Amino acid sequence: MKTEVIKLNKQKPDKTILKKAAKIIKEGGLVAFPTETVYGIAADFMNKKAIQKLYRVKKRPKDKPLTVHISKFDELAEFDCEMNLFSKTLIEKFWPGPLTLVFKAKFGEKIGIRMPSSKIALEFISLCKTSIVAPSANISGNCPPREAKDVLKDLDGKIDLLLDGGETEEDAESTVIDVSAFPCRILRRGAIKPGRIADVGRRLQHF
């Protein structure tokens, strides 16, 4: 398989190209696309074969969970996540943006959810019309890619399509916070610094 590469304007992405990418996802394929932090590999969360292929291509440990990416706030309701004032405030302040939140969802299971701010990412996710996961577009253990050329170093010929939106805006991955229990825990430091998260907690204590 040859990986097709298509360049996009990050401010005004071509919807026809994004529809093509969404069709690949619906057919069980893999598409790399830019967020504001790093490039991710999109796959249909509801397609078991696509998820298996994603793990295989990334050489990702099978016990490492995937994060669902959404494009609209009302999509959260589909996962029946338990929300508290802190998680709601984080969402209001940092979404869309480089923040992944790990919630307790249906049947007590945990699920990571993120809403990126990149226009390419938001429009692409919306057009997929299914829940997508999008771990970084690299072989596990390698540096997360911030440019299309970095994606190709690891994944050329292993994914169907690469949407080239130029260099990403942030120089770090999304910050990951587990809000499924109190006190919450920062699982991965990233683009949103711990001090900004702590500020939210301090302000809430004054209510």
Protein backbone atom coordinates (compact mmCIF):
# COMPACT_ATOMS: atom_id res chain seq x y z
CA MET A 1 0.00 0.00 0.00
CA LYS A 2 1.24 3.48 -0.87
CA THR A 3 0.38 6.28 1.54
CA GLU A 4 -1.27 9.18 -0.26
CA VAL A 5 -0.24 12.64 0.99
CA ILE A 6 -2.53 15.65 0.49
CA LYS A 7 -1.66 19.17 1.62
CA LEU A 8 -4.30 21.29 3.31
CA ASN A 9 -4.64 24.92 4.32
CA LYS A 10 -4.81 24.72 8.13
CA GLN A 11 -7.10 27.76 8.31
CA LYS A 12 -9.40 26.86 5.40
CA PRO A 13 -9.14 23.10 4.80
CA ASP A 14 -10.72 21.77 1.61
CA LYS A 15 -13.92 19.99 2.63
CA THR A 16 -13.81 17.70 -0.41
CA ILE A 17 -10.47 16.32 0.76
CA LEU A 18 -11.73 15.94 4.32
CA LYS A 19 -14.77 14.03 3.04
CA LYS A 20 -12.42 11.69 1.19
CA ALA A 21 -10.49 11.12 4.41
CA ALA A 22 -13.72 10.49 6.34
CA LYS A 23 -14.79 7.91 3.75
CA ILE A 24 -11.52 6.02 4.33
CA ILE A 25 -12.28 5.92 8.06
CA LYS A 26 -15.79 4.61 7.43
CA GLU A 27 -14.29 1.86 5.29
CA GLY A 28 -11.96 0.76 8.08
CA GLY A 29 -8.82 2.57 6.93
CA LEU A 30 -6.26 4.70 8.75
CA VAL A 31 -5.72 8.43 8.21
CA ALA A 32 -3.00 10.60 9.76
CA PHE A 33 -4.01 14.19 10.43
CA PRO A 34 -2.70 17.22 12.35
CA THR A 35 -4.03 18.41 15.68
CA GLU A 36 -2.67 21.51 17.40
CA THR A 37 -0.18 19.33 19.30
CA VAL A 38 0.99 16.39 17.16
CA TYR A 39 -0.18 14.37 14.17
CA GLY A 40 -2.51 11.52 15.07
CA ILE A 41 -3.65 8.31 13.33
CA ALA A 42 -7.42 8.20 13.08
CA ALA A 43 -9.37 4.94 13.15
CA ASP A 44 -13.04 4.12 13.69
CA PHE A 45 -13.47 3.32 17.39
CA MET A 46 -16.45 1.08 16.54
CA ASN A 47 -14.57 -0.99 13.94
CA LYS A 48 -12.72 -3.83 15.66
CA LYS A 49 -10.57 -4.66 12.62
CA ALA A 50 -9.55 -1.02 12.17
CA ILE A 51 -8.52 -0.81 15.84
CA GLN A 52 -6.52 -4.03 15.57
CA LYS A 53 -4.79 -2.64 12.48
CA LEU A 54 -4.00 0.59 14.32
CA TYR A 55 -2.35 -1.27 17.20
CA ARG A 56 -0.38 -3.38 14.74
CA VAL A 57 0.82 -0.45 12.63
CA LYS A 58 1.89 1.59 15.66
CA LYS A 59 3.34 -1.46 17.44
CA ARG A 60 1.35 -0.21 20.39
CA PRO A 61 1.09 -2.38 23.53
CA LYS A 62 -2.32 -4.06 23.56
CA ASP A 63 -2.96 -3.02 27.16
CA LYS A 64 -2.48 0.69 26.40
CA PRO A 65 -5.92 2.32 25.90
CA LEU A 66 -6.85 4.75 23.14
CA THR A 67 -8.34 8.24 23.40
CA VAL A 68 -11.58 9.15 21.63
CA HIS A 69 -11.48 12.47 19.76
CA ILE A 70 -14.67 14.53 19.44
CA SER A 71 -15.62 17.68 17.54
CA LYS A 72 -18.69 18.88 19.49
CA PHE A 73 -19.48 19.18 23.18
CA ASP A 74 -22.77 17.29 22.89
CA GLU A 75 -20.87 14.19 21.73
CA LEU A 76 -19.79 13.68 25.35
CA ALA A 77 -23.32 12.49 26.14
CA GLU A 78 -22.77 9.41 23.96
CA PHE A 79 -20.26 8.08 26.49
CA ASP A 80 -22.36 8.77 29.59
CA CYS A 81 -19.35 10.19 31.44
CA GLU A 82 -19.53 11.05 35.12
CA MET A 83 -18.93 14.79 35.43
CA ASN A 84 -18.07 16.94 38.42
CA LEU A 85 -17.55 20.70 38.80
CA PHE A 86 -13.80 20.39 38.28
CA SER A 87 -14.05 18.42 35.03
CA LYS A 88 -16.80 20.73 33.74
CA THR A 89 -14.64 23.77 34.49
CA LEU A 90 -11.60 22.23 32.76
CA ILE A 91 -13.74 21.59 29.68
CA GLU A 92 -15.10 25.14 29.66
CA LYS A 93 -11.60 26.61 29.98
CA PHE A 94 -9.45 24.33 27.83
CA TRP A 95 -11.68 22.71 25.16
CA PRO A 96 -11.21 22.79 22.27
CA GLY A 97 -7.53 22.47 23.07
CA PRO A 98 -4.61 20.28 24.12
CA LEU A 99 -6.29 18.57 27.07
CA THR A 100 -7.30 14.90 27.37
CA LEU A 101 -9.64 13.99 30.21
CA VAL A 102 -10.05 10.44 31.51
CA PHE A 103 -13.61 9.90 32.75
CA LYS A 104 -15.50 7.10 34.41
CA ALA A 105 -18.02 6.12 31.74
CA LYS A 106 -20.67 3.44 31.23
CA PHE A 107 -20.41 0.34 33.43
CA GLY A 108 -17.64 1.97 35.46
CA GLU A 109 -15.08 1.75 32.67
CA LYS A 110 -12.63 4.58 32.07
CA ILE A 111 -12.37 6.43 28.78
CA GLY A 112 -10.07 9.22 27.59
CA ILE A 113 -11.68 11.99 25.54
CA ARG A 114 -10.20 15.01 23.81
CA MET A 115 -11.48 17.84 21.63
CA PRO A 116 -8.60 19.31 19.60
CA SER A 117 -8.64 22.94 18.46
CA SER A 118 -7.12 22.44 15.00
CA LYS A 119 -9.63 23.37 12.29
CA ILE A 120 -8.48 20.45 10.15
CA ALA A 121 -8.97 18.05 13.05
CA LEU A 122 -12.40 19.37 14.08
CA GLU A 123 -13.85 19.34 10.56
CA PHE A 124 -12.38 15.94 9.76
CA ILE A 125 -13.70 14.38 12.99
CA SER A 126 -17.13 15.89 12.39
CA LEU A 127 -17.32 14.47 8.85
CA CYS A 128 -16.39 10.97 10.03
CA LYS A 129 -19.77 10.74 11.80
CA THR A 130 -18.43 8.03 14.09
CA SER A 131 -16.30 7.96 17.22
CA ILE A 132 -12.65 8.03 16.25
CA VAL A 133 -9.48 7.37 18.18
CA ALA A 134 -6.25 9.11 17.25
CA PRO A 135 -3.00 8.22 19.03
CA SER A 136 0.16 9.95 17.80
CA ALA A 137 1.15 9.02 14.23
CA ASN A 138 4.41 7.24 15.00
CA ILE A 139 5.78 3.88 16.05
CA SER A 140 5.28 3.56 19.83
CA GLY A 141 8.33 4.83 21.67
CA ASN A 142 9.44 7.20 18.91
CA CYS A 143 9.05 10.98 19.05
CA PRO A 144 5.48 12.15 18.31
CA PRO A 145 5.42 13.86 14.90
CA ARG A 146 4.82 17.58 14.49
CA GLU A 147 5.22 17.61 10.69
CA ALA A 148 4.02 15.39 7.87
CA LYS A 149 7.56 14.33 6.97
CA ASP A 150 7.96 12.93 10.49
CA VAL A 151 4.83 10.81 10.04
CA LEU A 152 6.20 9.34 6.82
CA LYS A 153 9.46 8.31 8.49
CA ASP A 154 7.54 5.77 10.59
CA LEU A 155 4.36 5.08 8.67
CA ASP A 156 4.90 5.53 4.94
CA GLY A 157 3.10 2.65 3.23
CA LYS A 158 1.35 1.58 6.44
CA ILE A 159 -1.56 4.05 6.47
CA ASP A 160 -3.99 4.99 3.72
CA LEU A 161 -3.81 8.78 3.76
CA LEU A 162 -1.80 11.59 5.35
CA LEU A 163 -3.38 15.03 5.61
CA ASP A 164 -0.50 17.49 5.56
CA GLY A 165 -1.43 20.64 7.45
CA GLY A 166 2.09 21.86 8.04
CA GLU A 167 3.85 22.07 11.38
CA THR A 168 1.69 21.82 14.50
CA GLU A 169 1.25 24.82 16.79
CA GLU A 170 2.25 23.30 20.12
CA ASP A 171 5.61 21.72 20.94
CA ALA A 172 4.19 19.08 23.29
CA GLU A 173 1.43 16.47 23.40
CA SER A 174 -1.89 17.07 25.13
CA THR A 175 -1.95 17.14 28.91
CA VAL A 176 -3.78 14.06 30.26
CA ILE A 177 -5.76 14.29 33.50
CA ASP A 178 -7.69 11.49 35.21
CA VAL A 179 -10.89 13.06 36.54
CA SER A 180 -12.58 9.73 37.28
CA ALA A 181 -11.82 10.01 41.00
CA PHE A 182 -10.90 12.65 43.57
CA PRO A 183 -8.27 13.92 43.85
CA CYS A 184 -7.67 13.99 40.11
CA ARG A 185 -4.26 13.01 38.76
CA ILE A 186 -2.13 14.36 35.93
CA LEU A 187 -1.20 11.24 33.98
CA ARG A 188 0.91 13.02 31.37
CA ARG A 189 2.38 16.49 31.41
CA GLY A 190 1.90 18.30 28.14
CA ALA A 191 0.97 21.57 26.47
CA ILE A 192 -1.16 22.80 29.38
CA LYS A 193 1.19 23.27 32.31
CA PRO A 194 0.33 21.89 35.79
CA GLY A 195 0.17 25.41 37.22
CA ARG A 196 -2.76 26.31 34.98
CA ILE A 197 -4.61 23.18 36.08
CA ALA A 198 -3.89 23.98 39.74
CA ASP A 199 -5.25 27.51 39.23
CA VAL A 200 -8.61 26.04 38.23
CA GLY A 201 -8.73 23.98 41.42
CA ARG A 202 -7.81 26.96 43.59
CA ARG A 203 -10.52 29.15 42.08
CA LEU A 204 -13.16 26.48 42.61
CA GLN A 205 -12.33 26.31 46.31
CA HIS A 206 -13.49 29.90 46.69
CA PHE A 207 -17.05 29.20 45.49
